[in-house]
Amino acid sequence: MKDLPFTDTVRINQIGAGLSRRLEPDADARKRIARSLDLQGLESFVAEIELAPTPTSSAWTLKGRVTAHAVQTCGLTLEPLPLDVDRRFSIQLVESAPQEAEEIEVTLDEDDVDPIEDGKIDLGQYAVEQLALSLDPFPRKAGAAFVQPDEPAEISPFAALKALKPGGDPGRG
């Protein structure tokens, strides 16, 4: 498993009737998060998270709000592009059952819930994931436009050699 930029793990047996956490990574953690998300900077990042069992099932509900001030890079001008994030989210979690080696069951509802593995939920990683979902995958500064450069008249690799050939010598070479 690759190193995660920020973690805050809770075991499901610690949840009880529910828990609330405020996650605010320190400067070093924000640098790791910025690096992992290809950001120029992450000046602030706060996640307010609530985790509670769902009353009618054996699932848990993870909901919260992520706020951040990040700096992306414009894909055209490479200039800094500040971004303020304020995202609310709600995710259903269910404990994954032990897998039988021979039998694989596929259900259509698997996209609706996230599995809980080893009885642990990484609140920090969910917060980073919500931040990542808030970022523009193709950041572009307002007014920046891509201009296609003119095609060279002759694309042949011999065009450069032709330019070096003396003008008065017609057939030698």
C-alpha atoms as a PDB file:
ATOM      1  CA  MET A   1       0.000   0.000   0.000  1.00  0.00           C
ATOM      2  CA  LYS A   2       1.360   3.386  -0.919  1.00  0.00           C
ATOM      3  CA  ASP A   3       1.945   6.001   1.762  1.00  0.00           C
ATOM      4  CA  LEU A   4      -1.121   8.151   2.308  1.00  0.00           C
ATOM      5  CA  PRO A   5      -0.549  11.907   2.695  1.00  0.00           C
ATOM      6  CA  PHE A   6      -2.866  12.228   5.720  1.00  0.00           C
ATOM      7  CA  THR A   7      -4.559   9.643   7.908  1.00  0.00           C
ATOM      8  CA  ASP A   8      -6.790   9.672  10.962  1.00  0.00           C
ATOM      9  CA  THR A   9      -8.051   6.163  11.538  1.00  0.00           C
ATOM     10  CA  VAL A  10     -10.909   5.110  13.792  1.00  0.00           C
ATOM     11  CA  ARG A  11     -11.972   1.541  14.561  1.00  0.00           C
ATOM     12  CA  ILE A  12     -15.659   0.781  14.133  1.00  0.00           C
ATOM     13  CA  ASN A  13     -15.856  -0.552  17.704  1.00  0.00           C
ATOM     14  CA  GLN A  14     -14.896   2.979  18.909  1.00  0.00           C
ATOM     15  CA  ILE A  15     -17.812   4.678  17.140  1.00  0.00           C
ATOM     16  CA  GLY A  16     -20.561   3.691  19.582  1.00  0.00           C
ATOM     17  CA  ALA A  17     -23.629   5.878  19.020  1.00  0.00           C
ATOM     18  CA  GLY A  18     -21.542   8.180  16.834  1.00  0.00           C
ATOM     19  CA  LEU A  19     -18.558  10.470  16.851  1.00  0.00           C
ATOM     20  CA  SER A  20     -17.594  13.896  15.585  1.00  0.00           C
ATOM     21  CA  ARG A  21     -14.098  14.963  14.590  1.00  0.00           C
ATOM     22  CA  ARG A  22     -12.494  18.146  13.369  1.00  0.00           C
ATOM     23  CA  LEU A  23      -9.458  17.307  11.250  1.00  0.00           C
ATOM     24  CA  GLU A  24      -6.981  20.098  10.637  1.00  0.00           C
ATOM     25  CA  PRO A  25      -3.689  18.819   9.194  1.00  0.00           C
ATOM     26  CA  ASP A  26      -0.505  20.621  10.259  1.00  0.00           C
ATOM     27  CA  ALA A  27       1.806  22.386   7.770  1.00  0.00           C
ATOM     28  CA  ASP A  28       3.840  19.241   6.994  1.00  0.00           C
ATOM     29  CA  ALA A  29       0.704  17.169   6.333  1.00  0.00           C
ATOM     30  CA  ARG A  30      -0.699  19.953   4.109  1.00  0.00           C
ATOM     31  CA  LYS A  31       2.546  19.890   2.094  1.00  0.00           C
ATOM     32  CA  ARG A  32       2.220  16.107   1.633  1.00  0.00           C
ATOM     33  CA  ILE A  33      -1.426  16.492   0.598  1.00  0.00           C
ATOM     34  CA  ALA A  34      -0.534  19.300  -1.837  1.00  0.00           C
ATOM     35  CA  ARG A  35       2.209  17.152  -3.368  1.00  0.00           C
ATOM     36  CA  SER A  36      -0.104  14.148  -3.738  1.00  0.00           C
ATOM     37  CA  LEU A  37      -2.804  16.277  -5.417  1.00  0.00           C
ATOM     38  CA  ASP A  38      -0.348  18.208  -7.624  1.00  0.00           C
ATOM     39  CA  LEU A  39      -1.107  21.550  -5.968  1.00  0.00           C
ATOM     40  CA  GLN A  40       1.254  24.515  -5.710  1.00  0.00           C
ATOM     41  CA  GLY A  41       0.071  24.988  -2.161  1.00  0.00           C
ATOM     42  CA  LEU A  42      -2.542  24.161   0.434  1.00  0.00           C
ATOM     43  CA  GLU A  43      -2.736  27.083   2.844  1.00  0.00           C
ATOM     44  CA  SER A  44      -5.649  25.759   4.896  1.00  0.00           C
ATOM     45  CA  PHE A  45      -7.576  22.500   5.103  1.00  0.00           C
ATOM     46  CA  VAL A  46     -10.290  21.628   7.630  1.00  0.00           C
ATOM     47  CA  ALA A  47     -12.668  18.691   7.673  1.00  0.00           C
ATOM     48  CA  GLU A  48     -15.646  18.528  10.040  1.00  0.00           C
ATOM     49  CA  ILE A  49     -16.728  14.871  10.091  1.00  0.00           C
ATOM     50  CA  GLU A  50     -19.554  12.965  11.758  1.00  0.00           C
ATOM     51  CA  LEU A  51     -19.704   9.187  11.761  1.00  0.00           C
ATOM     52  CA  ALA A  52     -22.712   7.279  13.045  1.00  0.00           C
ATOM     53  CA  PRO A  53     -24.323   3.876  12.652  1.00  0.00           C
ATOM     54  CA  THR A  54     -27.311   3.758  10.313  1.00  0.00           C
ATOM     55  CA  PRO A  55     -30.305   2.772  12.470  1.00  0.00           C
ATOM     56  CA  THR A  56     -32.027   0.425  10.008  1.00  0.00           C
ATOM     57  CA  SER A  57     -29.008  -1.498   8.738  1.00  0.00           C
ATOM     58  CA  SER A  58     -25.521  -2.687   9.609  1.00  0.00           C
ATOM     59  CA  ALA A  59     -23.968   0.278   7.837  1.00  0.00           C
ATOM     60  CA  TRP A  60     -22.459   3.578   8.939  1.00  0.00           C
ATOM     61  CA  THR A  61     -22.972   7.078   7.599  1.00  0.00           C
ATOM     62  CA  LEU A  62     -19.949   9.331   7.189  1.00  0.00           C
ATOM     63  CA  LYS A  63     -20.899  12.913   6.530  1.00  0.00           C
ATOM     64  CA  GLY A  64     -19.206  16.212   6.822  1.00  0.00           C
ATOM     65  CA  ARG A  65     -17.810  19.334   5.294  1.00  0.00           C
ATOM     66  CA  VAL A  66     -14.391  20.049   3.820  1.00  0.00           C
ATOM     67  CA  THR A  67     -13.097  23.604   3.519  1.00  0.00           C
ATOM     68  CA  ALA A  68      -9.733  24.553   2.088  1.00  0.00           C
ATOM     69  CA  HIS A  69      -7.726  27.253   0.391  1.00  0.00           C
ATOM     70  CA  ALA A  70      -5.578  25.648  -2.292  1.00  0.00           C
ATOM     71  CA  VAL A  71      -3.441  26.875  -5.173  1.00  0.00           C
ATOM     72  CA  GLN A  72      -3.594  24.935  -8.434  1.00  0.00           C
ATOM     73  CA  THR A  73      -1.466  25.578 -11.530  1.00  0.00           C
ATOM     74  CA  CYS A  74      -3.068  26.933 -14.707  1.00  0.00           C
ATOM     75  CA  GLY A  75      -2.637  24.275 -17.384  1.00  0.00           C
ATOM     76  CA  LEU A  76      -1.920  26.881 -20.060  1.00  0.00           C
ATOM     77  CA  THR A  77       0.028  29.707 -18.441  1.00  0.00           C
ATOM     78  CA  LEU A  78       1.508  27.741 -15.494  1.00  0.00           C
ATOM     79  CA  GLU A  79       0.498  30.650 -13.238  1.00  0.00           C
ATOM     80  CA  PRO A  80      -0.845  30.077  -9.706  1.00  0.00           C
ATOM     81  CA  LEU A  81      -4.613  29.663  -9.619  1.00  0.00           C
ATOM     82  CA  PRO A  82      -6.112  30.126  -6.107  1.00  0.00           C
ATOM     83  CA  LEU A  83      -9.154  28.034  -5.250  1.00  0.00           C
ATOM     84  CA  ASP A  84     -11.488  28.051  -2.251  1.00  0.00           C
ATOM     85  CA  VAL A  85     -13.194  24.744  -1.487  1.00  0.00           C
ATOM     86  CA  ASP A  86     -16.374  24.331   0.535  1.00  0.00           C
ATOM     87  CA  ARG A  87     -17.835  20.866  -0.011  1.00  0.00           C
ATOM     88  CA  ARG A  88     -20.423  18.900   1.930  1.00  0.00           C
ATOM     89  CA  PHE A  89     -20.530  15.135   1.563  1.00  0.00           C
ATOM     90  CA  SER A  90     -22.276  12.007   2.779  1.00  0.00           C
ATOM     91  CA  ILE A  91     -20.958   8.477   2.266  1.00  0.00           C
ATOM     92  CA  GLN A  92     -22.489   5.145   3.239  1.00  0.00           C
ATOM     93  CA  LEU A  93     -20.041   2.599   4.644  1.00  0.00           C
ATOM     94  CA  VAL A  94     -20.570  -1.088   5.231  1.00  0.00           C
ATOM     95  CA  GLU A  95     -18.289  -3.627   6.861  1.00  0.00           C
ATOM     96  CA  SER A  96     -16.973  -6.054   4.267  1.00  0.00           C
ATOM     97  CA  ALA A  97     -17.806  -9.666   4.991  1.00  0.00           C
ATOM     98  CA  PRO A  98     -14.996 -12.230   4.991  1.00  0.00           C
ATOM     99  CA  GLN A  99     -14.489 -13.422   1.411  1.00  0.00           C
ATOM    100  CA  GLU A 100     -14.897 -17.061   0.518  1.00  0.00           C
ATOM    101  CA  ALA A 101     -12.064 -18.170  -1.750  1.00  0.00           C
ATOM    102  CA  GLU A 102     -14.289 -20.036  -4.194  1.00  0.00           C
ATOM    103  CA  GLU A 103     -17.410 -17.879  -4.374  1.00  0.00           C
ATOM    104  CA  ILE A 104     -17.640 -14.305  -5.641  1.00  0.00           C
ATOM    105  CA  GLU A 105     -20.938 -12.484  -5.345  1.00  0.00           C
ATOM    106  CA  VAL A 106     -21.530  -9.352  -7.386  1.00  0.00           C
ATOM    107  CA  THR A 107     -24.387  -7.000  -6.577  1.00  0.00           C
ATOM    108  CA  LEU A 108     -25.563  -3.947  -8.454  1.00  0.00           C
ATOM    109  CA  ASP A 109     -25.560  -1.768  -5.336  1.00  0.00           C
ATOM    110  CA  GLU A 110     -21.804  -1.976  -4.716  1.00  0.00           C
ATOM    111  CA  ASP A 111     -21.286   1.571  -6.033  1.00  0.00           C
ATOM    112  CA  ASP A 112     -23.615   2.978  -3.381  1.00  0.00           C
ATOM    113  CA  VAL A 113     -21.447   2.047  -0.387  1.00  0.00           C
ATOM    114  CA  ASP A 114     -17.780   1.982   0.518  1.00  0.00           C
ATOM    115  CA  PRO A 115     -16.475  -1.152   2.217  1.00  0.00           C
ATOM    116  CA  ILE A 116     -14.892  -0.972   5.657  1.00  0.00           C
ATOM    117  CA  GLU A 117     -11.807  -3.163   5.701  1.00  0.00           C
ATOM    118  CA  ASP A 118     -10.154  -4.595   8.817  1.00  0.00           C
ATOM    119  CA  GLY A 119     -12.728  -2.829  11.010  1.00  0.00           C
ATOM    120  CA  LYS A 120     -11.084   0.589  10.438  1.00  0.00           C
ATOM    121  CA  ILE A 121     -12.218   3.804   8.745  1.00  0.00           C
ATOM    122  CA  ASP A 122      -9.594   6.349   7.682  1.00  0.00           C
ATOM    123  CA  LEU A 123     -11.319   9.696   8.196  1.00  0.00           C
ATOM    124  CA  GLY A 124      -8.250  11.594   6.983  1.00  0.00           C
ATOM    125  CA  GLN A 125      -8.186   9.779   3.685  1.00  0.00           C
ATOM    126  CA  TYR A 126     -11.905  10.444   3.129  1.00  0.00           C
ATOM    127  CA  ALA A 127     -11.253  14.146   3.791  1.00  0.00           C
ATOM    128  CA  VAL A 128      -8.390  14.214   1.251  1.00  0.00           C
ATOM    129  CA  GLU A 129     -10.580  12.357  -1.258  1.00  0.00           C
ATOM    130  CA  GLN A 130     -13.324  14.981  -0.915  1.00  0.00           C
ATOM    131  CA  LEU A 131     -10.760  17.738  -1.447  1.00  0.00           C
ATOM    132  CA  ALA A 132      -9.499  15.957  -4.577  1.00  0.00           C
ATOM    133  CA  LEU A 133     -13.060  15.696  -5.914  1.00  0.00           C
ATOM    134  CA  SER A 134     -13.422  19.470  -5.494  1.00  0.00           C
ATOM    135  CA  LEU A 135     -10.392  20.316  -7.633  1.00  0.00           C
ATOM    136  CA  ASP A 136     -10.650  21.280 -11.291  1.00  0.00           C
ATOM    137  CA  PRO A 137      -8.964  18.486 -13.281  1.00  0.00           C
ATOM    138  CA  PHE A 138      -8.016  21.025 -16.001  1.00  0.00           C
ATOM    139  CA  PRO A 139      -7.419  24.313 -14.174  1.00  0.00           C
ATOM    140  CA  ARG A 140      -7.389  27.316 -16.481  1.00  0.00           C
ATOM    141  CA  LYS A 141      -6.934  30.979 -15.602  1.00  0.00           C
ATOM    142  CA  ALA A 142      -9.821  33.199 -16.718  1.00  0.00           C
ATOM    143  CA  GLY A 143      -9.127  34.488 -20.222  1.00  0.00           C
ATOM    144  CA  ALA A 144      -6.277  32.041 -20.909  1.00  0.00           C
ATOM    145  CA  ALA A 145      -6.629  30.368 -24.304  1.00  0.00           C
ATOM    146  CA  PHE A 146      -4.543  27.830 -26.140  1.00  0.00           C
ATOM    147  CA  VAL A 147      -3.217  29.112 -29.471  1.00  0.00           C
ATOM    148  CA  GLN A 148      -2.160  26.449 -31.957  1.00  0.00           C
ATOM    149  CA  PRO A 149       1.299  27.316 -33.306  1.00  0.00           C
ATOM    150  CA  ASP A 150       1.634  27.602 -37.079  1.00  0.00           C
ATOM    151  CA  GLU A 151       2.628  24.396 -38.811  1.00  0.00           C
ATOM    152  CA  PRO A 152       6.035  24.575 -40.453  1.00  0.00           C
ATOM    153  CA  ALA A 153       5.823  24.667 -44.254  1.00  0.00           C
ATOM    154  CA  GLU A 154       8.020  21.619 -44.613  1.00  0.00           C
ATOM    155  CA  ILE A 155       8.024  18.906 -41.952  1.00  0.00           C
ATOM    156  CA  SER A 156      10.586  16.635 -43.622  1.00  0.00           C
ATOM    157  CA  PRO A 157      13.653  15.767 -41.521  1.00  0.00           C
ATOM    158  CA  PHE A 158      15.709  16.746 -44.567  1.00  0.00           C
ATOM    159  CA  ALA A 159      14.338  20.317 -44.504  1.00  0.00           C
ATOM    160  CA  ALA A 160      17.094  21.369 -42.080  1.00  0.00           C
ATOM    161  CA  LEU A 161      19.754  19.832 -44.339  1.00  0.00           C
ATOM    162  CA  LYS A 162      18.278  21.561 -47.382  1.00  0.00           C
ATOM    163  CA  ALA A 163      18.624  24.898 -45.603  1.00  0.00           C
ATOM    164  CA  LEU A 164      22.348  24.192 -45.063  1.00  0.00           C
ATOM    165  CA  LYS A 165      22.969  23.315 -48.730  1.00  0.00           C
ATOM    166  CA  PRO A 166      24.799  26.114 -50.611  1.00  0.00           C
ATOM    167  CA  GLY A 167      22.444  27.895 -53.055  1.00  0.00           C
ATOM    168  CA  GLY A 168      24.731  27.765 -56.133  1.00  0.00           C
ATOM    169  CA  ASP A 169      25.685  24.080 -55.995  1.00  0.00           C
ATOM    170  CA  PRO A 170      22.820  22.198 -57.772  1.00  0.00           C
ATOM    171  CA  GLY A 171      23.681  18.513 -57.662  1.00  0.00           C
ATOM    172  CA  ARG A 172      26.576  17.623 -55.439  1.00  0.00           C
ATOM    173  CA  GLY A 173      26.198  15.942 -52.248  1.00  0.00           C
END
